[in-house]
C-alpha atoms as a PDB file:
ATOM      1  CA  PRO A   1       1.286  14.043  -8.883  1.00  0.00           C
ATOM      2  CA  GLN A   2       3.776  12.374  -6.592  1.00  0.00           C
ATOM      3  CA  PHE A   3       2.674  11.630  -3.036  1.00  0.00           C
ATOM      4  CA  THR A   4       2.889   9.209  -0.150  1.00  0.00           C
ATOM      5  CA  LEU A   5       0.042   7.569   1.695  1.00  0.00           C
ATOM      6  CA  ALA A   6       0.545   6.595   5.342  1.00  0.00           C
ATOM      7  CA  ALA A   7      -1.952   4.062   6.718  1.00  0.00           C
ATOM      8  CA  ILE A   8      -3.037   4.356  10.330  1.00  0.00           C
ATOM      9  CA  SER A   9      -6.027   1.996  10.277  1.00  0.00           C
ATOM     10  CA  GLU A  10      -8.696   0.852   7.836  1.00  0.00           C
ATOM     11  CA  GLY A  11     -10.191   4.004   6.341  1.00  0.00           C
ATOM     12  CA  VAL A  12      -7.687   6.315   8.069  1.00  0.00           C
ATOM     13  CA  TYR A  13      -4.780   7.560   5.972  1.00  0.00           C
ATOM     14  CA  LEU A  14      -2.447  10.530   5.891  1.00  0.00           C
ATOM     15  CA  LEU A  15      -1.699  11.990   2.488  1.00  0.00           C
ATOM     16  CA  GLY A  16       1.741  13.542   2.192  1.00  0.00           C
ATOM     17  CA  MET A  17       4.002  15.078  -0.375  1.00  0.00           C
ATOM     18  CA  LYS A  18       6.462  12.787  -2.133  1.00  0.00           C
ATOM     19  CA  ASP A  19       9.024  11.562   0.412  1.00  0.00           C
ATOM     20  CA  GLN A  20       7.224  13.237   3.324  1.00  0.00           C
ATOM     21  CA  PHE A  21       6.933   9.949   5.187  1.00  0.00           C
ATOM     22  CA  ASN A  22      10.413   8.643   4.356  1.00  0.00           C
ATOM     23  CA  ALA A  23      12.437   6.443   6.704  1.00  0.00           C
ATOM     24  CA  TYR A  24      14.436   9.435   7.993  1.00  0.00           C
ATOM     25  CA  ASP A  25      11.549  11.807   8.724  1.00  0.00           C
ATOM     26  CA  LEU A  26       8.929   9.307   9.870  1.00  0.00           C
ATOM     27  CA  PRO A  27      10.296   8.815  13.417  1.00  0.00           C
ATOM     28  CA  ALA A  28       9.888  12.555  14.107  1.00  0.00           C
ATOM     29  CA  HIS A  29       6.245  12.634  12.960  1.00  0.00           C
ATOM     30  CA  PRO A  30       3.749  12.991  15.844  1.00  0.00           C
ATOM     31  CA  LEU A  31       1.761   9.971  14.593  1.00  0.00           C
ATOM     32  CA  ALA A  32       4.795   7.805  13.767  1.00  0.00           C
ATOM     33  CA  ASP A  33       3.897   5.153  16.331  1.00  0.00           C
ATOM     34  CA  ARG A  34       0.444   4.735  14.777  1.00  0.00           C
ATOM     35  CA  ILE A  35       1.512   4.559  11.111  1.00  0.00           C
ATOM     36  CA  GLN A  36       1.352   0.940   9.948  1.00  0.00           C
ATOM     37  CA  TYR A  37       2.836   1.350   6.468  1.00  0.00           C
ATOM     38  CA  VAL A  38       3.600   3.953   3.819  1.00  0.00           C
ATOM     39  CA  ILE A  39       3.159   3.562   0.068  1.00  0.00           C
ATOM     40  CA  ASP A  40       3.967   5.924  -2.763  1.00  0.00           C
ATOM     41  CA  GLU A  41       1.753   7.013  -5.646  1.00  0.00           C
ATOM     42  CA  VAL A  42       2.331   3.805  -7.588  1.00  0.00           C
ATOM     43  CA  GLY A  43       1.811   1.470  -4.644  1.00  0.00           C
ATOM     44  CA  LEU A  44       5.415   0.676  -3.749  1.00  0.00           C
ATOM     45  CA  VAL A  45       5.849   0.077  -0.031  1.00  0.00           C
ATOM     46  CA  LEU A  46       8.268   2.558   1.538  1.00  0.00           C
ATOM     47  CA  PHE A  47       7.729   1.519   5.168  1.00  0.00           C
ATOM     48  CA  ASP A  48       6.003  -1.439   6.769  1.00  0.00           C
ATOM     49  CA  ARG A  49       5.732  -1.780  10.543  1.00  0.00           C
ATOM     50  CA  GLY A  50       4.658  -5.403  10.076  1.00  0.00           C
ATOM     51  CA  ALA A  51       7.603  -6.329   7.826  1.00  0.00           C
ATOM     52  CA  GLY A  52       8.296 -10.032   7.943  1.00  0.00           C
ATOM     53  CA  GLY A  53       4.874 -10.958   9.260  1.00  0.00           C
ATOM     54  CA  ALA A  54       2.859  -8.430   7.287  1.00  0.00           C
ATOM     55  CA  SER A  55      -0.620  -9.216   6.141  1.00  0.00           C
ATOM     56  CA  ARG A  56      -0.869 -10.433   2.596  1.00  0.00           C
ATOM     57  CA  ALA A  57      -4.628 -10.182   2.589  1.00  0.00           C
ATOM     58  CA  LEU A  58      -6.590  -8.146   0.099  1.00  0.00           C
ATOM     59  CA  ASP A  59      -9.401  -7.376   2.544  1.00  0.00           C
ATOM     60  CA  SER A  60      -7.556  -6.270   5.682  1.00  0.00           C
ATOM     61  CA  LEU A  61      -5.117  -3.520   6.574  1.00  0.00           C
ATOM     62  CA  GLY A  62      -1.687  -4.085   5.095  1.00  0.00           C
ATOM     63  CA  PRO A  63       0.416  -3.182   2.078  1.00  0.00           C
ATOM     64  CA  TYR A  64      -1.835  -5.215  -0.260  1.00  0.00           C
ATOM     65  CA  PHE A  65      -5.173  -3.977   1.147  1.00  0.00           C
ATOM     66  CA  ILE A  66      -7.562  -3.156  -1.701  1.00  0.00           C
ATOM     67  CA  GLU A  67      -8.400   0.176  -0.053  1.00  0.00           C
ATOM     68  CA  ASN A  68      -4.885   1.380  -0.965  1.00  0.00           C
ATOM     69  CA  TYR A  69      -5.560   0.846  -4.643  1.00  0.00           C
ATOM     70  CA  ILE A  70      -8.961   2.500  -4.519  1.00  0.00           C
ATOM     71  CA  LEU A  71      -7.291   5.582  -3.042  1.00  0.00           C
ATOM     72  CA  LEU A  72      -4.463   5.463  -5.583  1.00  0.00           C
ATOM     73  CA  GLU A  73      -6.974   5.231  -8.406  1.00  0.00           C
ATOM     74  CA  VAL A  74      -8.916   8.232  -7.142  1.00  0.00           C
ATOM     75  CA  LEU A  75      -5.834  10.314  -6.335  1.00  0.00           C
ATOM     76  CA  SER A  76      -3.591   9.583  -9.295  1.00  0.00           C
ATOM     77  CA  LYS A  77      -5.265   7.460 -11.967  1.00  0.00           C
ATOM     78  CA  GLN A  78      -2.283   5.076 -11.940  1.00  0.00           C
ATOM     79  CA  GLU A  79      -2.424   2.119 -14.307  1.00  0.00           C
ATOM     80  CA  VAL A  80      -1.231  -0.244 -11.565  1.00  0.00           C
ATOM     81  CA  ALA A  81      -4.169   0.789  -9.358  1.00  0.00           C
ATOM     82  CA  GLN A  82      -6.576   0.263 -12.245  1.00  0.00           C
ATOM     83  CA  ASN A  83      -5.148  -3.215 -12.911  1.00  0.00           C
ATOM     84  CA  VAL A  84      -5.358  -4.250  -9.243  1.00  0.00           C
ATOM     85  CA  LEU A  85      -8.951  -3.033  -8.971  1.00  0.00           C
ATOM     86  CA  GLU A  86      -9.949  -4.856 -12.153  1.00  0.00           C
ATOM     87  CA  TYR A  87      -8.378  -8.087 -10.898  1.00  0.00           C
ATOM     88  CA  TYR A  88     -10.030  -7.625  -7.502  1.00  0.00           C
ATOM     89  CA  VAL A  89     -13.461  -7.326  -9.102  1.00  0.00           C
ATOM     90  CA  TYR A  90     -13.123 -10.064 -11.734  1.00  0.00           C
ATOM     91  CA  HIS A  91     -10.387 -12.403 -10.438  1.00  0.00           C
ATOM     92  CA  LYS A  92     -10.166 -11.897  -6.671  1.00  0.00           C
ATOM     93  CA  GLU A  93      -9.357 -15.534  -5.809  1.00  0.00           C
ATOM     94  CA  LYS A  94      -6.575 -15.680  -8.397  1.00  0.00           C
ATOM     95  CA  LEU A  95      -5.177 -12.383  -7.142  1.00  0.00           C
ATOM     96  CA  GLN A  96      -5.196 -13.639  -3.535  1.00  0.00           C
ATOM     97  CA  ARG A  97      -3.527 -16.950  -4.502  1.00  0.00           C
ATOM     98  CA  SER A  98      -0.809 -15.089  -6.399  1.00  0.00           C
ATOM     99  CA  LEU A  99      -0.279 -12.767  -3.464  1.00  0.00           C
ATOM    100  CA  GLU A 100       0.092 -15.668  -1.034  1.00  0.00           C
ATOM    101  CA  SER A 101       2.935 -17.141  -3.099  1.00  0.00           C
ATOM    102  CA  TYR A 102       4.624 -13.804  -3.879  1.00  0.00           C
ATOM    103  CA  SER A 103       8.107 -13.723  -2.315  1.00  0.00           C
ATOM    104  CA  GLU A 104       8.463  -9.914  -2.351  1.00  0.00           C
ATOM    105  CA  ALA A 105      11.987 -10.402  -3.777  1.00  0.00           C
ATOM    106  CA  GLN A 106      11.279  -7.571  -6.224  1.00  0.00           C
ATOM    107  CA  GLY A 107       9.936  -5.385  -3.406  1.00  0.00           C
ATOM    108  CA  LYS A 108       6.598  -4.984  -1.704  1.00  0.00           C
ATOM    109  CA  GLY A 109       3.516  -3.736  -3.471  1.00  0.00           C
ATOM    110  CA  PHE A 110       1.785  -5.036  -6.553  1.00  0.00           C
ATOM    111  CA  ILE A 111       3.910  -5.167  -9.663  1.00  0.00           C
ATOM    112  CA  CYS A 112       1.559  -5.248 -12.625  1.00  0.00           C
END
């Protein structure tokens, strides 16, 4: 299924239909000022309030937060989510180092 996930804080997310939290509709949403970022069902970042200075940490709220991929795995069984979770469990340091040097030229979100 296609969906969007809007992050408000750690552990607090809004689940929406595909494109529900797009750049055009988001400003009209009652919680728009609290939404930190929006990802789609494969983990691509559609909106990021912290763009430019966004967190690139695996263990804190941001587009690369491991919680995103746990939710994606549960909600959609996406291969990307499975890969990120496997790397987090078995190769966390390597994953974090790669993330720190990732330029986001191909877009935000893990590309596995």
